[in-house]
Amino acid sequence: MKIAILADYQNVALRMADWSALPGRAEITVFNDHPADPVAIVEKLLPFDVIWVMRERTPLQREILQPLPNLKLIASTGARNASIDMAAAKELGIAVTATVLPRLDNSLFPEALPFMAFLLWTSTPSLGPSE
């Protein structure tokens, strides 16, 4: 499984969570830049199964989501993310999750992302361990 962390300008994403459950199961790539060109965004994200977006820095509209056949999960910091085309994600079978969980501290999200990625990896036959 390939995980992309987008627009991590401060290089904090890998320090904010315990990613130790994923070595050997997932390859994590952190992008610090932010291309504005949709074609460049698609080319960059083409191999990834999971995308973690930092706030609303990278728009994930239909024109970007549709040509990403591997994408299964978008995780976003923040309670809402207006830059994600939720209707397109739903139509394309892409799960979307956000930081805020009812009655939980928002700081739990960074710790939850590796767990969500692990669950995706183990529950998706095309991504998980071969039998």
C-alpha atoms as a PDB file:
ATOM      1  CA  MET A   1       0.000   0.000   0.000  1.00  0.00           C
ATOM      2  CA  LYS A   2       1.226   3.473  -0.837  1.00  0.00           C
ATOM      3  CA  ILE A   3       0.344   6.468   1.330  1.00  0.00           C
ATOM      4  CA  ALA A   4       0.861  10.079   0.241  1.00  0.00           C
ATOM      5  CA  ILE A   5       0.940  12.892   2.777  1.00  0.00           C
ATOM      6  CA  LEU A   6       0.319  16.141   0.940  1.00  0.00           C
ATOM      7  CA  ALA A   7       1.439  19.714   1.625  1.00  0.00           C
ATOM      8  CA  ASP A   8       3.313  18.952   4.839  1.00  0.00           C
ATOM      9  CA  TYR A   9       5.204  22.249   4.715  1.00  0.00           C
ATOM     10  CA  GLN A  10       6.512  21.884   8.272  1.00  0.00           C
ATOM     11  CA  ASN A  11       7.533  18.201   8.043  1.00  0.00           C
ATOM     12  CA  VAL A  12       5.456  17.275  11.084  1.00  0.00           C
ATOM     13  CA  ALA A  13       3.178  14.476   9.855  1.00  0.00           C
ATOM     14  CA  LEU A  14       5.597  11.621  10.476  1.00  0.00           C
ATOM     15  CA  ARG A  15       6.382  12.908  13.975  1.00  0.00           C
ATOM     16  CA  MET A  16       2.737  13.349  15.012  1.00  0.00           C
ATOM     17  CA  ALA A  17       1.792   9.673  14.926  1.00  0.00           C
ATOM     18  CA  ASP A  18       3.178   6.232  15.578  1.00  0.00           C
ATOM     19  CA  TRP A  19       3.603   4.797  12.094  1.00  0.00           C
ATOM     20  CA  SER A  20       5.470   1.715  13.356  1.00  0.00           C
ATOM     21  CA  ALA A  21       2.616  -0.683  12.434  1.00  0.00           C
ATOM     22  CA  LEU A  22       3.104   0.036   8.740  1.00  0.00           C
ATOM     23  CA  PRO A  23       6.731  -0.808   7.821  1.00  0.00           C
ATOM     24  CA  GLY A  24       6.752  -3.653   5.358  1.00  0.00           C
ATOM     25  CA  ARG A  25       3.058  -3.073   4.739  1.00  0.00           C
ATOM     26  CA  ALA A  26       3.017   0.472   3.439  1.00  0.00           C
ATOM     27  CA  GLU A  27       5.279   2.949   1.748  1.00  0.00           C
ATOM     28  CA  ILE A  28       4.790   6.512   3.009  1.00  0.00           C
ATOM     29  CA  THR A  29       5.755   9.492   0.864  1.00  0.00           C
ATOM     30  CA  VAL A  30       5.615  13.034   2.232  1.00  0.00           C
ATOM     31  CA  PHE A  31       5.224  15.906  -0.207  1.00  0.00           C
ATOM     32  CA  ASN A  32       6.184  19.366   0.996  1.00  0.00           C
ATOM     33  CA  ASP A  33       5.294  21.224  -2.173  1.00  0.00           C
ATOM     34  CA  HIS A  34       1.908  22.081  -3.592  1.00  0.00           C
ATOM     35  CA  PRO A  35       1.510  21.924  -7.368  1.00  0.00           C
ATOM     36  CA  ALA A  36      -1.335  24.077  -8.639  1.00  0.00           C
ATOM     37  CA  ASP A  37      -1.685  22.292 -11.988  1.00  0.00           C
ATOM     38  CA  PRO A  38      -4.315  19.490 -11.840  1.00  0.00           C
ATOM     39  CA  VAL A  39      -2.342  17.398 -14.339  1.00  0.00           C
ATOM     40  CA  ALA A  40       0.747  17.599 -12.120  1.00  0.00           C
ATOM     41  CA  ILE A  41      -1.330  16.623  -9.076  1.00  0.00           C
ATOM     42  CA  VAL A  42      -2.737  13.562 -10.867  1.00  0.00           C
ATOM     43  CA  GLU A  43       0.725  12.488 -12.054  1.00  0.00           C
ATOM     44  CA  LYS A  44       2.076  12.815  -8.515  1.00  0.00           C
ATOM     45  CA  LEU A  45      -0.805  10.882  -6.902  1.00  0.00           C
ATOM     46  CA  LEU A  46      -1.292   8.148  -9.514  1.00  0.00           C
ATOM     47  CA  PRO A  47       0.415   5.310  -7.582  1.00  0.00           C
ATOM     48  CA  PHE A  48      -1.161   6.002  -4.163  1.00  0.00           C
ATOM     49  CA  ASP A  49      -3.876   4.048  -2.319  1.00  0.00           C
ATOM     50  CA  VAL A  50      -4.260   6.535   0.542  1.00  0.00           C
ATOM     51  CA  ILE A  51      -3.943  10.314   0.501  1.00  0.00           C
ATOM     52  CA  TRP A  52      -3.664  12.360   3.674  1.00  0.00           C
ATOM     53  CA  VAL A  53      -4.373  16.022   2.996  1.00  0.00           C
ATOM     54  CA  MET A  54      -3.361  18.806   5.341  1.00  0.00           C
ATOM     55  CA  ARG A  55      -6.337  21.144   5.647  1.00  0.00           C
ATOM     56  CA  GLU A  56      -7.620  22.493   2.314  1.00  0.00           C
ATOM     57  CA  ARG A  57      -4.279  23.021   0.628  1.00  0.00           C
ATOM     58  CA  THR A  58      -4.740  20.526  -2.206  1.00  0.00           C
ATOM     59  CA  PRO A  59      -8.050  20.470  -4.076  1.00  0.00           C
ATOM     60  CA  LEU A  60      -9.272  16.956  -4.776  1.00  0.00           C
ATOM     61  CA  GLN A  61     -12.009  17.571  -7.306  1.00  0.00           C
ATOM     62  CA  ARG A  62     -13.522  15.032  -9.707  1.00  0.00           C
ATOM     63  CA  GLU A  63     -10.966  15.835 -12.434  1.00  0.00           C
ATOM     64  CA  ILE A  64      -8.214  14.789 -10.023  1.00  0.00           C
ATOM     65  CA  LEU A  65      -9.946  11.849  -8.314  1.00  0.00           C
ATOM     66  CA  GLN A  66     -11.312  10.129 -11.423  1.00  0.00           C
ATOM     67  CA  PRO A  67      -7.949   9.204 -12.992  1.00  0.00           C
ATOM     68  CA  LEU A  68      -6.617   7.736  -9.707  1.00  0.00           C
ATOM     69  CA  PRO A  69      -7.605   4.041  -9.929  1.00  0.00           C
ATOM     70  CA  ASN A  70      -5.649   2.972  -6.827  1.00  0.00           C
ATOM     71  CA  LEU A  71      -7.116   5.555  -4.458  1.00  0.00           C
ATOM     72  CA  LYS A  72      -9.210   3.968  -1.680  1.00  0.00           C
ATOM     73  CA  LEU A  73      -9.010   6.472   1.201  1.00  0.00           C
ATOM     74  CA  ILE A  74      -8.657  10.234   1.664  1.00  0.00           C
ATOM     75  CA  ALA A  75      -7.897  11.360   5.218  1.00  0.00           C
ATOM     76  CA  SER A  76      -8.113  15.040   6.018  1.00  0.00           C
ATOM     77  CA  THR A  77      -7.089  17.198   8.936  1.00  0.00           C
ATOM     78  CA  GLY A  78      -9.949  19.405  10.085  1.00  0.00           C
ATOM     79  CA  ALA A  79     -13.654  18.789  10.618  1.00  0.00           C
ATOM     80  CA  ARG A  80     -14.570  19.603   7.032  1.00  0.00           C
ATOM     81  CA  ASN A  81     -12.628  19.977   3.836  1.00  0.00           C
ATOM     82  CA  ALA A  82     -14.341  22.014   1.120  1.00  0.00           C
ATOM     83  CA  SER A  83     -11.577  21.158  -1.347  1.00  0.00           C
ATOM     84  CA  ILE A  84     -12.623  17.483  -1.532  1.00  0.00           C
ATOM     85  CA  ASP A  85     -15.402  16.641  -3.996  1.00  0.00           C
ATOM     86  CA  MET A  86     -17.358  14.377  -1.667  1.00  0.00           C
ATOM     87  CA  ALA A  87     -19.909  13.370  -4.314  1.00  0.00           C
ATOM     88  CA  ALA A  88     -17.177  12.298  -6.724  1.00  0.00           C
ATOM     89  CA  ALA A  89     -15.341  10.416  -3.972  1.00  0.00           C
ATOM     90  CA  LYS A  90     -18.524   8.542  -3.066  1.00  0.00           C
ATOM     91  CA  GLU A  91     -19.288   7.685  -6.716  1.00  0.00           C
ATOM     92  CA  LEU A  92     -15.715   6.449  -7.205  1.00  0.00           C
ATOM     93  CA  GLY A  93     -15.791   4.307  -4.043  1.00  0.00           C
ATOM     94  CA  ILE A  94     -13.191   6.405  -2.228  1.00  0.00           C
ATOM     95  CA  ALA A  95     -13.696   6.589   1.538  1.00  0.00           C
ATOM     96  CA  VAL A  96     -13.154  10.015   3.112  1.00  0.00           C
ATOM     97  CA  THR A  97     -12.421  10.621   6.779  1.00  0.00           C
ATOM     98  CA  ALA A  98     -11.708  13.755   8.795  1.00  0.00           C
ATOM     99  CA  THR A  99     -10.053  14.775  12.035  1.00  0.00           C
ATOM    100  CA  VAL A 100     -13.012  15.470  14.261  1.00  0.00           C
ATOM    101  CA  LEU A 101     -14.696  12.521  15.867  1.00  0.00           C
ATOM    102  CA  PRO A 102     -17.665  13.171  18.191  1.00  0.00           C
ATOM    103  CA  ARG A 103     -16.631  13.511  21.825  1.00  0.00           C
ATOM    104  CA  LEU A 104     -12.980  12.794  21.083  1.00  0.00           C
ATOM    105  CA  ASP A 105      -9.948  15.038  21.200  1.00  0.00           C
ATOM    106  CA  ASN A 106      -8.986  16.180  17.666  1.00  0.00           C
ATOM    107  CA  SER A 107      -5.346  15.432  18.424  1.00  0.00           C
ATOM    108  CA  LEU A 108      -6.143  11.719  18.085  1.00  0.00           C
ATOM    109  CA  PHE A 109      -6.388  11.937  14.297  1.00  0.00           C
ATOM    110  CA  PRO A 110      -2.657  11.709  13.526  1.00  0.00           C
ATOM    111  CA  GLU A 111      -2.467   8.565  15.647  1.00  0.00           C
ATOM    112  CA  ALA A 112      -5.563   7.133  13.989  1.00  0.00           C
ATOM    113  CA  LEU A 113      -4.345   7.477  10.387  1.00  0.00           C
ATOM    114  CA  PRO A 114      -1.791   4.641  10.556  1.00  0.00           C
ATOM    115  CA  PHE A 115      -4.473   2.462  12.126  1.00  0.00           C
ATOM    116  CA  MET A 116      -6.968   3.362   9.378  1.00  0.00           C
ATOM    117  CA  ALA A 117      -4.343   2.591   6.732  1.00  0.00           C
ATOM    118  CA  PHE A 118      -3.618  -0.758   8.391  1.00  0.00           C
ATOM    119  CA  LEU A 119      -7.343  -1.604   8.417  1.00  0.00           C
ATOM    120  CA  LEU A 120      -7.597  -0.681   4.745  1.00  0.00           C
ATOM    121  CA  TRP A 121      -4.574  -2.833   3.944  1.00  0.00           C
ATOM    122  CA  THR A 122      -5.919  -5.876   5.779  1.00  0.00           C
ATOM    123  CA  SER A 123      -9.497  -5.582   4.531  1.00  0.00           C
ATOM    124  CA  THR A 124      -8.861  -4.890   0.843  1.00  0.00           C
ATOM    125  CA  PRO A 125      -7.837  -8.062  -1.031  1.00  0.00           C
ATOM    126  CA  SER A 126      -5.968  -6.187  -3.742  1.00  0.00           C
ATOM    127  CA  LEU A 127      -3.837  -4.382  -1.126  1.00  0.00           C
ATOM    128  CA  GLY A 128      -3.526  -6.906   1.676  1.00  0.00           C
ATOM    129  CA  PRO A 129      -1.353  -9.940   2.210  1.00  0.00           C
ATOM    130  CA  SER A 130      -1.448 -12.597  -0.457  1.00  0.00           C
ATOM    131  CA  GLU A 131      -2.748 -15.995   0.556  1.00  0.00           C
END
